[in-house]
Amino acid sequence: MKIIGISILMFGLLSGFSIGMDTLLGFDLITSFRNAVNPFLVMKKAEIIIFYLLIIIWAFYSTRLFLIKRREKQ
């Protein structure tokens, strides 16, 4: 659970930092958000499939590890 929390926290902080820097450079909020998600907009279908597959594998592994540790404590 710590891994998931830390990953989400890091993603949020880094995205916020990126959007904040774009805003300081003079872009409006919508353009700043588009710049933050732009790498995902130019991905081909195979890259998107691999990206989602890696997220699914990561989520499965994290959940499995969490459940194993939870059983050990009982």
N, C-alpha and C. Protein backbone atom coordinates (compact mmCIF):
# COMPACT_ATOMS: atom_id res chain seq x y z
N MET A 1 0.82 -1.19 0.00
CA MET A 1 0.00 0.00 0.00
C MET A 1 0.86 1.25 0.00
N LYS A 2 2.02 1.18 0.66
CA LYS A 2 2.93 2.31 0.67
C LYS A 2 3.43 2.62 -0.74
N ILE A 3 3.70 1.57 -1.51
CA ILE A 3 4.22 1.75 -2.86
C ILE A 3 3.20 2.49 -3.72
N ILE A 4 1.94 2.10 -3.61
CA ILE A 4 0.90 2.75 -4.40
C ILE A 4 0.76 4.20 -3.97
N GLY A 5 0.74 4.44 -2.68
CA GLY A 5 0.61 5.80 -2.17
C GLY A 5 1.76 6.69 -2.59
N ILE A 6 2.97 6.18 -2.49
CA ILE A 6 4.14 6.95 -2.87
C ILE A 6 4.14 7.22 -4.37
N SER A 7 3.75 6.24 -5.16
CA SER A 7 3.70 6.42 -6.62
C SER A 7 2.68 7.48 -7.00
N ILE A 8 1.50 7.44 -6.39
CA ILE A 8 0.47 8.44 -6.68
C ILE A 8 0.92 9.82 -6.21
N LEU A 9 1.55 9.89 -5.04
CA LEU A 9 2.04 11.15 -4.53
C LEU A 9 3.11 11.75 -5.45
N MET A 10 4.05 10.92 -5.90
CA MET A 10 5.10 11.39 -6.80
C MET A 10 4.51 11.86 -8.13
N PHE A 11 3.56 11.11 -8.66
CA PHE A 11 2.92 11.51 -9.91
C PHE A 11 2.21 12.85 -9.75
N GLY A 12 1.49 13.01 -8.66
CA GLY A 12 0.77 14.26 -8.41
C GLY A 12 1.71 15.45 -8.25
N LEU A 13 2.77 15.26 -7.46
CA LEU A 13 3.71 16.35 -7.24
C LEU A 13 4.45 16.74 -8.51
N LEU A 14 4.90 15.75 -9.27
CA LEU A 14 5.63 16.05 -10.50
C LEU A 14 4.71 16.67 -11.56
N SER A 15 3.48 16.20 -11.64
CA SER A 15 2.53 16.80 -12.58
C SER A 15 2.21 18.23 -12.16
N GLY A 16 2.01 18.43 -10.87
CA GLY A 16 1.76 19.78 -10.37
C GLY A 16 2.93 20.71 -10.61
N PHE A 17 4.13 20.20 -10.44
CA PHE A 17 5.33 21.01 -10.70
C PHE A 17 5.41 21.39 -12.18
N SER A 18 5.12 20.44 -13.07
CA SER A 18 5.15 20.70 -14.50
C SER A 18 4.09 21.72 -14.90
N ILE A 19 2.89 21.55 -14.39
CA ILE A 19 1.81 22.50 -14.70
C ILE A 19 2.12 23.87 -14.10
N GLY A 20 2.68 23.90 -12.90
CA GLY A 20 3.06 25.16 -12.28
C GLY A 20 4.14 25.90 -13.06
N MET A 21 5.13 25.17 -13.56
CA MET A 21 6.19 25.80 -14.35
C MET A 21 5.62 26.36 -15.65
N ASP A 22 4.73 25.62 -16.30
CA ASP A 22 4.10 26.13 -17.52
C ASP A 22 3.27 27.38 -17.23
N THR A 23 2.58 27.38 -16.11
CA THR A 23 1.78 28.55 -15.74
C THR A 23 2.69 29.76 -15.49
N LEU A 24 3.82 29.53 -14.85
CA LEU A 24 4.77 30.63 -14.63
C LEU A 24 5.38 31.14 -15.93
N LEU A 25 5.44 30.28 -16.95
CA LEU A 25 5.96 30.70 -18.24
C LEU A 25 4.93 31.47 -19.06
N GLY A 26 3.69 31.56 -18.56
CA GLY A 26 2.70 32.38 -19.22
C GLY A 26 1.59 31.63 -19.91
N PHE A 27 1.60 30.31 -19.85
CA PHE A 27 0.52 29.53 -20.45
C PHE A 27 -0.69 29.55 -19.52
N ASP A 28 -1.88 29.42 -20.13
CA ASP A 28 -3.05 29.29 -19.27
C ASP A 28 -3.13 27.85 -18.74
N LEU A 29 -4.06 27.61 -17.83
CA LEU A 29 -4.13 26.32 -17.14
C LEU A 29 -4.43 25.17 -18.09
N ILE A 30 -5.31 25.39 -19.06
CA ILE A 30 -5.68 24.32 -20.00
C ILE A 30 -4.49 23.94 -20.86
N THR A 31 -3.74 24.92 -21.35
CA THR A 31 -2.55 24.63 -22.15
C THR A 31 -1.49 23.93 -21.31
N SER A 32 -1.35 24.34 -20.06
CA SER A 32 -0.38 23.69 -19.17
C SER A 32 -0.74 22.22 -18.96
N PHE A 33 -2.03 21.95 -18.78
CA PHE A 33 -2.47 20.57 -18.60
C PHE A 33 -2.25 19.75 -19.87
N ARG A 34 -2.53 20.35 -21.03
CA ARG A 34 -2.29 19.66 -22.30
C ARG A 34 -0.81 19.34 -22.48
N ASN A 35 0.07 20.25 -22.09
CA ASN A 35 1.51 19.99 -22.20
C ASN A 35 1.93 18.84 -21.27
N ALA A 36 1.26 18.71 -20.14
CA ALA A 36 1.61 17.64 -19.19
C ALA A 36 1.19 16.27 -19.71
N VAL A 37 0.07 16.20 -20.43
CA VAL A 37 -0.41 14.90 -20.93
C VAL A 37 -0.06 14.69 -22.39
N ASN A 38 0.67 15.61 -23.01
CA ASN A 38 1.01 15.52 -24.43
C ASN A 38 1.75 14.23 -24.81
N PRO A 39 2.69 13.73 -24.01
CA PRO A 39 3.36 12.49 -24.43
C PRO A 39 2.39 11.32 -24.61
N PHE A 40 1.28 11.34 -23.91
CA PHE A 40 0.32 10.25 -24.05
C PHE A 40 -0.55 10.43 -25.29
N LEU A 41 -0.63 11.65 -25.82
CA LEU A 41 -1.47 11.91 -26.98
C LEU A 41 -0.82 11.47 -28.29
N VAL A 42 0.50 11.36 -28.32
CA VAL A 42 1.20 11.00 -29.56
C VAL A 42 1.60 9.53 -29.60
N MET A 43 1.13 8.75 -28.65
CA MET A 43 1.48 7.32 -28.62
C MET A 43 0.70 6.56 -29.68
N LYS A 44 1.36 5.58 -30.26
CA LYS A 44 0.69 4.70 -31.21
C LYS A 44 -0.10 3.64 -30.43
N LYS A 45 -0.94 2.90 -31.13
CA LYS A 45 -1.80 1.92 -30.46
C LYS A 45 -0.98 0.86 -29.72
N ALA A 46 0.09 0.38 -30.34
CA ALA A 46 0.92 -0.64 -29.68
C ALA A 46 1.55 -0.09 -28.40
N GLU A 47 1.99 1.16 -28.43
CA GLU A 47 2.59 1.77 -27.24
C GLU A 47 1.56 1.94 -26.14
N ILE A 48 0.35 2.31 -26.51
CA ILE A 48 -0.72 2.47 -25.51
C ILE A 48 -1.06 1.12 -24.88
N ILE A 49 -1.11 0.06 -25.70
CA ILE A 49 -1.40 -1.27 -25.17
C ILE A 49 -0.31 -1.70 -24.19
N ILE A 50 0.93 -1.48 -24.55
CA ILE A 50 2.04 -1.84 -23.66
C ILE A 50 2.00 -1.01 -22.39
N PHE A 51 1.69 0.28 -22.51
CA PHE A 51 1.60 1.15 -21.34
C PHE A 51 0.54 0.66 -20.37
N TYR A 52 -0.66 0.36 -20.88
CA TYR A 52 -1.73 -0.14 -20.01
C TYR A 52 -1.40 -1.53 -19.46
N LEU A 53 -0.74 -2.35 -20.25
CA LEU A 53 -0.33 -3.67 -19.78
C LEU A 53 0.63 -3.54 -18.60
N LEU A 54 1.58 -2.63 -18.71
CA LEU A 54 2.53 -2.42 -17.61
C LEU A 54 1.82 -1.89 -16.35
N ILE A 55 0.84 -1.02 -16.53
CA ILE A 55 0.08 -0.53 -15.38
C ILE A 55 -0.71 -1.67 -14.73
N ILE A 56 -1.30 -2.54 -15.54
CA ILE A 56 -2.05 -3.68 -15.01
C ILE A 56 -1.13 -4.63 -14.26
N ILE A 57 0.04 -4.91 -14.84
CA ILE A 57 1.01 -5.79 -14.17
C ILE A 57 1.46 -5.18 -12.85
N TRP A 58 1.75 -3.88 -12.85
CA TRP A 58 2.17 -3.20 -11.63
C TRP A 58 1.07 -3.25 -10.56
N ALA A 59 -0.18 -2.99 -10.97
CA ALA A 59 -1.28 -3.03 -10.01
C ALA A 59 -1.49 -4.44 -9.46
N PHE A 60 -1.40 -5.44 -10.33
CA PHE A 60 -1.55 -6.83 -9.89
C PHE A 60 -0.45 -7.20 -8.91
N TYR A 61 0.79 -6.85 -9.23
CA TYR A 61 1.92 -7.17 -8.36
C TYR A 61 1.79 -6.47 -7.01
N SER A 62 1.41 -5.19 -7.03
CA SER A 62 1.28 -4.45 -5.77
C SER A 62 0.16 -5.02 -4.91
N THR A 63 -0.96 -5.36 -5.53
CA THR A 63 -2.08 -5.94 -4.79
C THR A 63 -1.70 -7.29 -4.22
N ARG A 64 -1.04 -8.11 -5.02
CA ARG A 64 -0.61 -9.44 -4.57
C ARG A 64 0.36 -9.32 -3.39
N LEU A 65 1.31 -8.41 -3.49
CA LEU A 65 2.28 -8.21 -2.42
C LEU A 65 1.58 -7.72 -1.15
N PHE A 66 0.61 -6.83 -1.30
CA PHE A 66 -0.15 -6.33 -0.16
C PHE A 66 -0.91 -7.46 0.52
N LEU A 67 -1.55 -8.31 -0.27
CA LEU A 67 -2.33 -9.41 0.31
C LEU A 67 -1.43 -10.44 0.99
N ILE A 68 -0.27 -10.70 0.43
CA ILE A 68 0.67 -11.65 1.04
C ILE A 68 1.16 -11.11 2.38
N LYS A 69 1.52 -9.83 2.43
CA LYS A 69 1.99 -9.24 3.68
C LYS A 69 0.88 -9.19 4.72
N ARG A 70 -0.34 -8.97 4.27
CA ARG A 70 -1.47 -8.93 5.19
C ARG A 70 -1.74 -10.30 5.81
N ARG A 71 -1.58 -11.35 5.02
CA ARG A 71 -1.78 -12.71 5.54
C ARG A 71 -0.68 -13.09 6.54
N GLU A 72 0.54 -12.62 6.28
CA GLU A 72 1.65 -12.94 7.19
C GLU A 72 1.43 -12.33 8.58
N LYS A 73 0.81 -11.17 8.63
CA LYS A 73 0.58 -10.52 9.92
C LYS A 73 -0.48 -11.22 10.75
N GLN A 74 -1.38 -11.94 10.11
CA GLN A 74 -2.47 -12.59 10.83
C GLN A 74 -2.03 -13.86 11.47
